[in-house]
């Protein structure tokens, strides 16, 4: 909104040097990050106290989980609302609201956030770790993601350097390889968004475990969106130019800021959990950003920790159905290491290290071609 006001009153603003700073995307990225963080931190104490009063017993803890988790009983959930509030305010103030990618990613984030809220509400009211059924969530997620995929194809501005980019899959490490799959791309886009949303959701099992890797992935994709959206940089790096995608750097910055504000209260021992409200929304947002920037496969590298967590669950389930035995002591894999005797803080910090290395590896694909 502030950016649109600047454009509307540009003739007046030019006489005030400080106001002219709003025209620069890098300045708006910094302001979005700071705004989202301030909103999340400001909500903190009162919001947590209100949630604790409303939820009573808080988020139900899995009975078959590590014994150390029993100390978390009574901790409220739905802390993702703090992050989403920060993102909403920051993007509204500093984002270009005429940019179609901002609206697509905002739609996915809000819709997945509502779905997560419904799931969290069901868990709290029923006092069970199982909220909505898997089929219910998957159907709703797929419907949302398909709409987002269609809108991305229809609203994407034609790239001056790459024909049919809107329905094509780009491959990391290969500058000239592009697979045009037509409208089947919508299916691929939906798979990316839904898959990554659920992967983040599965990772959110320990204090601070999911939010920091989400912030790392957002930082990596903030860089990617800026470079992909800039014609000069994309030509230099020989990556596919997506006009307008650079504005998503503001959204990525808002994720980092909101996540930082939330981490202030989610740091061990957590005063509030993110819940599906946050994990589904943030995972969906990153998936939608990857689709918009044509870096869906790079998301699998940048967010490799989430992929590993999701894969551990799928492997565990498939192997157990086939043999009635388990590969891991418990899935997702972070619980496996807890069962091995690793302290929760050790698991979290080591997983952060892995996430940081994978984020850097994903960024390296921009140059290694």
Protein backbone atom coordinates (compact mmCIF):
# COMPACT_ATOMS: atom_id res chain seq x y z
CA UNK A 1 0.00 0.00 0.00
CA UNK A 2 2.81 2.42 0.86
CA UNK A 3 4.51 1.55 -2.44
CA UNK A 4 1.30 2.19 -4.40
CA UNK A 5 0.82 5.50 -2.59
CA UNK A 6 4.37 6.43 -3.53
CA UNK A 7 3.68 5.67 -7.18
CA UNK A 8 0.44 7.68 -7.06
CA UNK A 9 2.12 10.71 -5.47
CA UNK A 10 5.47 10.30 -7.25
CA UNK A 11 5.52 13.92 -8.38
CA UNK A 12 5.31 15.10 -4.79
CA UNK A 13 7.57 12.40 -3.35
CA UNK A 14 10.46 13.33 -5.63
CA UNK A 15 11.00 16.46 -3.52
CA UNK A 16 11.55 14.34 -0.40
CA UNK A 17 14.66 12.11 -0.68
CA UNK A 18 13.60 9.76 2.15
CA UNK A 19 10.28 9.01 0.45
CA UNK A 20 12.11 8.16 -2.76
CA UNK A 21 13.77 5.24 -1.00
CA UNK A 22 10.45 3.36 -1.22
CA UNK A 23 10.94 2.91 -4.95
CA UNK A 24 13.93 0.63 -4.33
CA UNK A 25 13.06 -3.04 -3.93
CA UNK A 26 15.97 -3.69 -1.58
CA UNK A 27 14.71 -1.01 0.80
CA UNK A 28 11.20 -2.48 0.77
CA UNK A 29 12.66 -5.94 1.42
CA UNK A 30 14.38 -4.64 4.57
CA UNK A 31 11.26 -2.77 5.70
CA UNK A 32 9.08 -5.84 5.14
CA UNK A 33 11.40 -7.99 7.23
CA UNK A 34 11.47 -5.45 10.07
CA UNK A 35 7.70 -4.90 9.96
CA UNK A 36 6.83 -8.60 10.07
CA UNK A 37 9.22 -9.17 12.96
CA UNK A 38 7.81 -6.24 14.97
CA UNK A 39 4.22 -7.41 14.43
CA UNK A 40 5.00 -10.99 15.51
CA UNK A 41 6.97 -9.90 18.59
CA UNK A 42 4.34 -7.33 19.55
CA UNK A 43 1.59 -9.96 19.39
CA UNK A 44 3.63 -12.43 21.45
CA UNK A 45 2.93 -12.34 25.17
CA UNK A 46 -0.71 -11.27 25.07
CA UNK A 47 -1.53 -13.59 22.17
CA UNK A 48 0.10 -16.56 23.92
CA UNK A 49 -1.72 -15.81 27.17
CA UNK A 50 -5.02 -15.54 25.28
CA UNK A 51 -4.37 -18.80 23.43
CA UNK A 52 -3.46 -20.57 26.67
CA UNK A 53 -6.73 -19.40 28.24
CA UNK A 54 -8.80 -20.42 25.22
CA UNK A 55 -7.14 -23.79 24.58
CA UNK A 56 -6.85 -24.99 28.17
CA UNK A 57 -4.76 -28.15 27.82
CA UNK A 58 -3.04 -26.83 24.70
CA UNK A 59 -1.83 -29.00 21.85
CA UNK A 60 -2.22 -32.74 22.48
CA UNK A 61 1.11 -34.60 22.71
CA UNK A 62 1.56 -37.95 20.94
CA UNK A 63 1.33 -40.77 23.45
CA UNK A 64 3.89 -42.86 21.51
CA UNK A 65 6.39 -40.02 21.25
CA UNK A 66 9.63 -39.50 23.20
CA UNK A 67 9.10 -39.34 26.97
CA UNK A 68 10.78 -35.92 27.10
CA UNK A 69 7.85 -34.45 25.15
CA UNK A 70 5.49 -35.00 28.08
CA UNK A 71 6.94 -31.84 29.63
CA UNK A 72 5.38 -29.89 26.75
CA UNK A 73 1.82 -30.70 27.85
CA UNK A 74 -0.24 -27.53 28.15
CA UNK A 75 1.71 -25.54 25.56
CA UNK A 76 -0.73 -23.69 23.26
CA UNK A 77 -0.64 -24.08 19.49
CA UNK A 78 -1.70 -21.96 16.47
CA UNK A 79 1.38 -19.76 16.87
CA UNK A 80 1.51 -19.67 13.09
CA UNK A 81 -1.09 -16.89 13.32
CA UNK A 82 1.67 -14.63 14.67
CA UNK A 83 3.82 -15.32 11.61
CA UNK A 84 0.93 -14.94 9.17
CA UNK A 85 -0.15 -11.65 10.77
CA UNK A 86 3.38 -10.30 10.38
CA UNK A 87 3.54 -11.43 6.76
CA UNK A 88 0.14 -9.94 5.95
CA UNK A 89 0.93 -6.52 7.40
CA UNK A 90 4.41 -6.39 5.85
CA UNK A 91 3.30 -7.42 2.36
CA UNK A 92 0.29 -5.09 2.50
CA UNK A 93 2.48 -2.12 3.43
CA UNK A 94 5.58 -2.71 1.34
CA UNK A 95 4.62 -5.07 -1.49
CA UNK A 96 3.52 -4.08 -4.98
CA UNK A 97 -0.16 -5.02 -4.77
CA UNK A 98 -0.50 -4.87 -8.56
CA UNK A 99 1.93 -7.78 -8.92
CA UNK A 100 0.11 -11.05 -9.75
CA UNK A 101 2.69 -13.25 -8.03
CA UNK A 102 2.14 -11.45 -4.74
CA UNK A 103 -1.57 -12.30 -4.95
CA UNK A 104 -1.02 -15.93 -5.96
CA UNK A 105 1.44 -16.64 -3.14
CA UNK A 106 -0.75 -14.70 -0.68
CA UNK A 107 -3.76 -16.79 -1.74
CA UNK A 108 -1.92 -20.07 -1.17
CA UNK A 109 -0.53 -18.90 2.17
CA UNK A 110 -3.90 -17.67 3.45
CA UNK A 111 -5.86 -20.70 2.21
CA UNK A 112 -3.39 -23.20 3.64
CA UNK A 113 -3.33 -21.16 6.85
CA UNK A 114 -7.12 -21.45 7.17
CA UNK A 115 -6.92 -25.19 6.52
CA UNK A 116 -4.22 -25.53 9.16
CA UNK A 117 -6.26 -23.48 11.62
CA UNK A 118 -9.25 -25.79 11.14
CA UNK A 119 -7.00 -28.80 11.73
CA UNK A 120 -5.46 -27.26 14.86
CA UNK A 121 -8.89 -26.30 16.17
CA UNK A 122 -10.10 -29.88 15.73
CA UNK A 123 -7.07 -31.22 17.61
CA UNK A 124 -7.49 -28.81 20.52
CA UNK A 125 -11.24 -29.23 20.90
CA UNK A 126 -11.11 -33.02 20.60
CA UNK A 127 -7.85 -33.25 22.60
CA UNK A 128 -6.33 -35.67 20.13
CA UNK A 129 -3.18 -35.45 18.00
CA UNK A 130 -5.33 -36.32 14.96
CA UNK A 131 -7.35 -33.40 13.56
CA UNK A 132 -8.76 -33.50 10.05
CA UNK A 133 -8.34 -36.77 8.19
CA UNK A 134 -5.49 -37.10 5.72
CA UNK A 135 -7.94 -37.36 2.83
CA UNK A 136 -9.75 -34.18 3.86
CA UNK A 137 -6.53 -32.19 4.10
CA UNK A 138 -5.10 -33.59 0.87
CA UNK A 139 -8.25 -32.83 -1.12
CA UNK A 140 -8.41 -29.27 0.17
CA UNK A 141 -4.69 -28.71 -0.42
CA UNK A 142 -4.90 -30.10 -3.94
CA UNK A 143 -7.85 -27.89 -4.85
CA UNK A 144 -6.03 -24.78 -3.59
CA UNK A 145 -2.78 -25.73 -5.32
CA UNK A 146 -4.50 -26.45 -8.65
CA UNK A 147 -6.10 -23.00 -8.59
CA UNK A 148 -2.70 -21.46 -7.84
CA UNK A 149 -1.10 -23.45 -10.67
CA UNK A 150 -3.72 -22.34 -13.19
CA UNK A 151 -3.39 -18.70 -12.13
CA UNK A 152 0.39 -18.89 -12.40
CA UNK A 153 0.16 -20.15 -15.97
CA UNK A 154 -2.49 -17.60 -16.97
CA UNK A 155 -1.01 -14.57 -15.23
CA UNK A 156 2.70 -15.15 -15.88
CA UNK A 157 4.14 -12.44 -18.10
CA UNK A 158 5.77 -13.96 -21.16
CA UNK A 159 9.52 -14.15 -20.72
CA UNK A 160 11.43 -12.18 -23.39
CA UNK A 161 14.20 -14.78 -23.32
CA UNK A 162 12.36 -18.09 -22.93
CA UNK A 163 9.20 -18.98 -24.93
CA UNK A 164 6.53 -21.11 -23.18
CA UNK A 165 8.23 -20.70 -19.82
CA UNK A 166 4.87 -20.61 -18.02
CA UNK A 167 4.19 -24.29 -18.79
CA UNK A 168 7.77 -25.54 -18.65
CA UNK A 169 9.99 -27.17 -16.04
CA UNK A 170 13.50 -25.75 -15.71
CA UNK A 171 16.36 -28.00 -14.59
CA UNK A 172 19.18 -26.91 -12.28
CA UNK A 173 22.76 -27.15 -13.59
CA UNK A 174 21.53 -27.14 -17.23
CA UNK A 175 20.96 -23.65 -18.63
CA UNK A 176 19.40 -24.78 -21.92
CA UNK A 177 17.26 -27.70 -20.72
CA UNK A 178 13.59 -26.84 -20.50
CA UNK A 179 10.72 -29.36 -20.58
CA UNK A 180 7.45 -27.91 -21.88
CA UNK A 181 4.62 -30.14 -20.62
CA UNK A 182 1.73 -27.84 -21.49
CA UNK A 183 -1.21 -27.78 -19.10
CA UNK A 184 0.16 -30.84 -17.32
CA UNK A 185 2.38 -28.27 -15.66
CA UNK A 186 -0.56 -27.41 -13.39
CA UNK A 187 -0.38 -30.95 -11.97
CA UNK A 188 3.36 -30.58 -11.41
CA UNK A 189 2.87 -27.18 -9.77
CA UNK A 190 0.16 -28.57 -7.48
CA UNK A 191 2.38 -31.50 -6.52
CA UNK A 192 5.20 -29.09 -5.63
CA UNK A 193 3.00 -26.87 -3.47
CA UNK A 194 1.14 -29.67 -1.69
CA UNK A 195 4.23 -31.82 -1.25
CA UNK A 196 6.33 -29.08 0.27
CA UNK A 197 3.51 -27.89 2.50
CA UNK A 198 3.17 -31.36 4.00
CA UNK A 199 6.95 -31.78 4.24
CA UNK A 200 7.22 -28.65 6.41
CA UNK A 201 4.27 -29.85 8.45
CA UNK A 202 5.99 -33.18 9.18
CA UNK A 203 9.19 -31.41 10.21
CA UNK A 204 7.43 -29.25 12.80
CA UNK A 205 7.90 -31.59 15.75
CA UNK A 206 10.55 -29.99 17.96
CA UNK A 207 11.01 -26.49 19.37
CA UNK A 208 12.46 -24.29 16.64
CA UNK A 209 13.11 -27.21 14.28
CA UNK A 210 10.88 -26.13 11.39
CA UNK A 211 10.89 -22.34 11.57
CA UNK A 212 14.66 -21.78 11.20
CA UNK A 213 15.00 -23.98 8.07
CA UNK A 214 11.89 -22.23 6.69
CA UNK A 215 13.65 -18.90 7.21
CA UNK A 216 16.80 -20.26 5.55
CA UNK A 217 14.78 -21.45 2.56
CA UNK A 218 13.00 -18.08 2.39
CA UNK A 219 16.36 -16.29 2.44
CA UNK A 220 17.65 -18.48 -0.40
CA UNK A 221 14.51 -17.94 -2.45
CA UNK A 222 14.57 -14.24 -1.67
CA UNK A 223 17.89 -14.17 -3.50
CA UNK A 224 16.55 -16.37 -6.30
CA UNK A 225 13.41 -14.27 -6.83
CA UNK A 226 15.46 -11.08 -6.99
CA UNK A 227 17.90 -12.52 -9.55
CA UNK A 228 15.24 -14.25 -11.66
CA UNK A 229 13.16 -11.08 -11.77
CA UNK A 230 16.09 -8.92 -12.85
CA UNK A 231 16.79 -9.14 -16.59
CA UNK A 232 20.46 -8.15 -16.31
CA UNK A 233 21.31 -10.57 -13.50
CA UNK A 234 19.35 -13.44 -15.06
CA UNK A 235 21.18 -12.94 -18.35
CA UNK A 236 24.56 -12.87 -16.59
CA UNK A 237 23.81 -16.04 -14.61
CA UNK A 238 22.09 -17.63 -17.63
CA UNK A 239 18.94 -18.46 -15.69
CA UNK A 240 15.41 -18.07 -17.02
CA UNK A 241 14.08 -14.55 -16.59
CA UNK A 242 10.58 -14.28 -15.07
CA UNK A 243 9.36 -10.66 -15.34
CA UNK A 244 7.82 -9.45 -12.09
CA UNK A 245 9.00 -12.37 -9.96
CA UNK A 246 11.50 -10.16 -8.17
CA UNK A 247 8.68 -8.65 -6.11
CA UNK A 248 8.41 -11.95 -4.26
CA UNK A 249 11.65 -11.02 -2.48
CA UNK A 250 9.44 -8.78 -0.33
CA UNK A 251 7.28 -11.79 0.55
CA UNK A 252 10.35 -13.89 1.38
CA UNK A 253 11.64 -11.11 3.62
CA UNK A 254 8.28 -11.01 5.40
CA UNK A 255 8.54 -14.76 6.06
CA UNK A 256 11.99 -14.26 7.59
CA UNK A 257 10.80 -11.35 9.73
CA UNK A 258 7.65 -13.10 10.91
CA UNK A 259 9.62 -16.27 11.58
CA UNK A 260 12.19 -14.37 13.63
CA UNK A 261 9.46 -12.80 15.75
CA UNK A 262 7.85 -16.19 16.29
CA UNK A 263 11.19 -17.83 17.15
CA UNK A 264 11.53 -15.37 20.03
CA UNK A 265 8.73 -17.32 21.72
CA UNK A 266 9.28 -20.71 20.11
CA UNK A 267 12.90 -21.05 21.24
CA UNK A 268 13.35 -23.94 23.71
CA UNK A 269 11.43 -24.32 25.89
CA UNK A 270 8.68 -23.15 23.53
CA UNK A 271 5.94 -20.93 24.91
CA UNK A 272 3.79 -21.67 21.86
CA UNK A 273 3.83 -24.11 18.95
CA UNK A 274 3.50 -23.12 15.31
CA UNK A 275 0.82 -25.70 14.63
CA UNK A 276 -0.54 -26.67 11.24
CA UNK A 277 -1.73 -23.07 10.94
CA UNK A 278 1.85 -22.03 10.36
CA UNK A 279 3.55 -25.10 8.92
CA UNK A 280 1.02 -25.78 6.15
CA UNK A 281 0.89 -22.08 5.21
CA UNK A 282 4.66 -21.52 5.16
CA UNK A 283 5.35 -24.72 3.24
CA UNK A 284 2.67 -23.83 0.73
CA UNK A 285 4.08 -20.31 0.37
CA UNK A 286 7.58 -21.60 -0.39
CA UNK A 287 6.14 -24.10 -2.88
CA UNK A 288 4.18 -21.35 -4.64
CA UNK A 289 7.26 -19.10 -4.76
CA UNK A 290 9.29 -21.93 -6.31
CA UNK A 291 6.57 -22.43 -8.93
CA UNK A 292 6.44 -18.71 -9.74
CA UNK A 293 10.21 -18.48 -10.17
CA UNK A 294 10.47 -21.75 -12.14
CA UNK A 295 12.82 -23.20 -9.51
CA UNK A 296 10.65 -26.07 -8.34
CA UNK A 297 13.46 -28.64 -8.51
CA UNK A 298 15.86 -26.29 -6.74
CA UNK A 299 13.34 -26.13 -3.89
CA UNK A 300 14.05 -29.82 -3.35
CA UNK A 301 17.68 -28.91 -2.71
CA UNK A 302 17.17 -25.70 -0.73
CA UNK A 303 14.49 -27.38 1.36
CA UNK A 304 16.23 -30.73 1.35
CA UNK A 305 15.80 -31.15 5.10
CA UNK A 306 12.02 -31.10 4.66
CA UNK A 307 12.29 -33.60 1.81
CA UNK A 308 14.33 -35.94 4.02
CA UNK A 309 11.77 -35.66 6.83
CA UNK A 310 8.88 -36.44 4.49
CA UNK A 311 10.78 -39.28 2.82
CA UNK A 312 11.50 -40.87 6.20
CA UNK A 313 7.77 -41.06 6.91
CA UNK A 314 6.96 -42.54 3.50
CA UNK A 315 9.75 -45.11 3.78
CA UNK A 316 8.71 -46.05 7.30
CA UNK A 317 5.06 -46.55 6.33
CA UNK A 318 5.83 -48.46 3.12
CA UNK A 319 8.38 -50.74 4.79
CA UNK A 320 6.09 -51.45 7.75
CA UNK A 321 3.17 -52.36 5.48
CA UNK A 322 5.41 -54.74 3.51
CA UNK A 323 7.31 -56.37 6.38
CA UNK A 324 5.51 -55.37 9.63
CA UNK A 325 8.92 -54.06 10.74
CA UNK A 326 10.29 -50.53 11.11
CA UNK A 327 13.44 -49.04 9.60
CA UNK A 328 13.51 -46.08 11.98
CA UNK A 329 12.84 -46.19 15.70
CA UNK A 330 10.23 -43.51 15.04
CA UNK A 331 9.29 -41.26 12.13
CA UNK A 332 9.69 -38.46 11.12
CA UNK A 333 13.42 -38.94 11.35
CA UNK A 334 14.05 -36.26 13.99
CA UNK A 335 12.20 -38.51 16.47
CA UNK A 336 14.47 -41.39 15.45
CA UNK A 337 17.49 -39.47 16.70
CA UNK A 338 15.65 -38.57 19.91
CA UNK A 339 14.99 -42.27 20.47
CA UNK A 340 18.72 -42.88 19.98
CA UNK A 341 19.35 -40.63 22.95
CA UNK A 342 20.19 -37.32 21.29
CA UNK A 343 18.96 -34.34 23.36
CA UNK A 344 16.28 -32.30 21.60
CA UNK A 345 18.56 -29.26 21.33
CA UNK A 346 21.25 -31.36 19.65
CA UNK A 347 18.82 -32.69 17.06
CA UNK A 348 17.51 -29.20 16.32
CA UNK A 349 20.88 -27.49 15.97
CA UNK A 350 22.37 -30.28 13.83
CA UNK A 351 19.33 -30.20 11.57
CA UNK A 352 19.76 -26.43 11.27
CA UNK A 353 23.33 -27.00 10.12
CA UNK A 354 22.16 -29.50 7.49
CA UNK A 355 19.49 -27.05 6.35
CA UNK A 356 22.01 -24.22 6.01
CA UNK A 357 24.34 -26.37 3.90
CA UNK A 358 21.49 -27.44 1.63
CA UNK A 359 20.31 -23.84 1.20
CA UNK A 360 23.82 -22.86 0.10
CA UNK A 361 23.93 -25.85 -2.24
CA UNK A 362 20.66 -24.72 -3.78
CA UNK A 363 22.03 -21.21 -4.35
CA UNK A 364 25.13 -22.71 -5.96
CA UNK A 365 22.93 -24.08 -8.77
CA UNK A 366 22.50 -20.49 -9.98
CA UNK A 367 26.15 -20.39 -11.02
CA UNK A 368 27.06 -24.04 -11.62
CA UNK A 369 25.64 -24.43 -15.12
